[in-house]
Amino acid sequence: MQGNPRQVVAANRKALALFEKEPHEVESHRGGQVFDCVHSFTEAGCGKDVHCENCRIKNAIIDTFTTGNAHNGVAAELPVKKANGIKSCVLQVSTEKVGDLALVRVERYDAES
């Protein structure tokens, strides 16, 4: 993920398969858009919606860019938009600064069926 704007630069095959996305649906998109977080579809947009202020994942990524500190096992419950409606999802990530980028490793993604 790049720092400004916070957008995905690339995703590996496992991440693409996990989120059922093609590279063009991930690259140059914000994390919430990749995860299909409902708040990423608002007028304010991903990371800027009032519901995003206390998002532990967003805040961990920002802190990693700002301070260089890594974060491990940061979890949040997100409402995600699926074909059959809005579902609750538990997402857990770790972050690490690598040069000018932040590596965001998805460790858990459990969406309700």
Protein backbone atom coordinates (compact mmCIF):
# COMPACT_ATOMS: atom_id res chain seq x y z
CA MET A 1 0.00 0.00 0.00
CA GLN A 2 1.26 3.47 -0.79
CA GLY A 3 1.01 6.32 1.67
CA ASN A 4 -0.65 9.22 -0.11
CA PRO A 5 -3.24 8.50 -1.16
CA ARG A 6 -3.50 5.25 0.79
CA GLN A 7 -4.07 2.87 -2.10
CA VAL A 8 -3.11 -0.71 -2.82
CA VAL A 9 -0.12 -1.04 -5.12
CA ALA A 10 -0.27 -4.81 -5.57
CA ALA A 11 -1.77 -7.96 -4.09
CA ASN A 12 -0.54 -11.53 -4.26
CA ARG A 13 -2.56 -14.41 -5.71
CA LYS A 14 -3.79 -15.57 -2.31
CA ALA A 15 -5.19 -12.13 -1.50
CA LEU A 16 -6.86 -11.88 -4.91
CA ALA A 17 -8.45 -15.31 -4.42
CA LEU A 18 -9.50 -14.50 -0.84
CA PHE A 19 -11.35 -11.35 -1.89
CA GLU A 20 -12.45 -12.85 -5.23
CA LYS A 21 -10.93 -9.94 -7.16
CA GLU A 22 -8.86 -9.40 -10.27
CA PRO A 23 -5.70 -7.23 -10.08
CA HIS A 24 -7.47 -4.23 -11.65
CA GLU A 25 -10.12 -4.41 -8.90
CA VAL A 26 -7.44 -4.08 -6.22
CA GLU A 27 -4.61 -1.95 -7.58
CA SER A 28 -5.11 1.80 -7.05
CA HIS A 29 -8.05 1.15 -4.72
CA ARG A 30 -8.28 1.82 -1.00
CA GLY A 31 -8.26 -1.09 1.43
CA GLY A 32 -11.94 -0.82 2.33
CA GLN A 33 -12.82 -1.01 -1.35
CA VAL A 34 -10.82 -4.22 -1.64
CA PHE A 35 -12.51 -5.65 1.47
CA ASP A 36 -15.92 -4.38 0.22
CA CYS A 37 -16.50 -2.45 3.45
CA VAL A 38 -19.88 -0.68 3.18
CA HIS A 39 -18.31 2.57 4.38
CA SER A 40 -16.06 2.64 1.31
CA PHE A 41 -19.20 3.09 -0.84
CA THR A 42 -20.39 6.28 0.90
CA GLU A 43 -20.10 9.76 -0.56
CA ALA A 44 -17.14 10.53 1.72
CA GLY A 45 -15.42 7.33 0.64
CA CYS A 46 -13.05 4.80 2.13
CA GLY A 47 -11.12 6.06 5.13
CA LYS A 48 -12.98 9.38 5.12
CA ASP A 49 -16.45 8.35 6.24
CA VAL A 50 -17.36 9.19 9.84
CA HIS A 51 -17.52 5.44 10.55
CA CYS A 52 -13.85 5.11 9.57
CA GLU A 53 -12.54 7.38 12.34
CA ASN A 54 -12.14 4.55 14.84
CA CYS A 55 -11.30 1.77 12.41
CA ARG A 56 -8.44 -0.09 14.05
CA ILE A 57 -7.11 -1.33 10.71
CA LYS A 58 -7.10 2.09 9.05
CA ASN A 59 -5.47 3.61 12.13
CA ALA A 60 -2.78 0.91 12.26
CA ILE A 61 -1.92 1.52 8.60
CA ILE A 62 -1.73 5.29 9.14
CA ASP A 63 0.48 4.79 12.20
CA THR A 64 2.78 2.50 10.24
CA PHE A 65 3.20 5.17 7.56
CA THR A 66 3.60 7.97 10.12
CA THR A 67 5.91 6.37 12.66
CA GLY A 68 7.29 3.29 10.92
CA ASN A 69 5.92 1.12 13.75
CA ALA A 70 4.73 -2.33 12.78
CA HIS A 71 1.41 -3.63 14.09
CA ASN A 72 0.59 -7.29 14.62
CA GLY A 73 -2.80 -8.97 14.79
CA VAL A 74 -4.95 -5.87 14.45
CA ALA A 75 -8.55 -7.02 14.14
CA ALA A 76 -11.80 -5.26 13.31
CA GLU A 77 -15.33 -6.28 12.53
CA LEU A 78 -16.49 -4.70 9.28
CA PRO A 79 -19.83 -4.62 7.53
CA VAL A 80 -19.09 -5.88 4.01
CA LYS A 81 -21.19 -5.72 0.88
CA LYS A 82 -21.74 -9.14 -0.67
CA ALA A 83 -23.94 -10.32 -3.56
CA ASN A 84 -26.54 -11.56 -1.08
CA GLY A 85 -26.53 -8.44 1.12
CA ILE A 86 -24.51 -6.87 3.91
CA LYS A 87 -22.56 -9.31 6.05
CA SER A 88 -20.38 -8.99 9.11
CA CYS A 89 -16.71 -9.73 8.54
CA VAL A 90 -13.82 -10.18 10.93
CA LEU A 91 -10.61 -8.94 9.37
CA GLN A 92 -7.20 -9.21 11.01
CA VAL A 93 -4.03 -7.72 9.58
CA SER A 94 -0.43 -6.96 10.42
CA THR A 95 1.43 -3.97 9.01
CA GLU A 96 5.07 -3.26 8.34
CA LYS A 97 6.82 -0.33 6.67
CA VAL A 98 8.93 -1.32 3.67
CA GLY A 99 10.63 1.68 2.08
CA ASP A 100 7.89 4.16 1.14
CA LEU A 101 5.22 1.46 1.26
CA ALA A 102 3.31 -0.38 3.96
CA LEU A 103 3.00 -4.12 3.71
CA VAL A 104 -0.46 -5.10 4.92
CA ARG A 105 -0.65 -8.82 5.57
CA VAL A 106 -4.15 -10.26 5.85
CA GLU A 107 -4.11 -12.92 8.55
CA ARG A 108 -7.83 -13.54 8.87
CA TYR A 109 -10.89 -12.78 6.78
CA ASP A 110 -14.06 -14.42 8.04
CA ALA A 111 -17.22 -13.22 6.36
CA GLU A 112 -20.62 -14.60 7.28
CA SER A 113 -22.11 -16.88 4.64
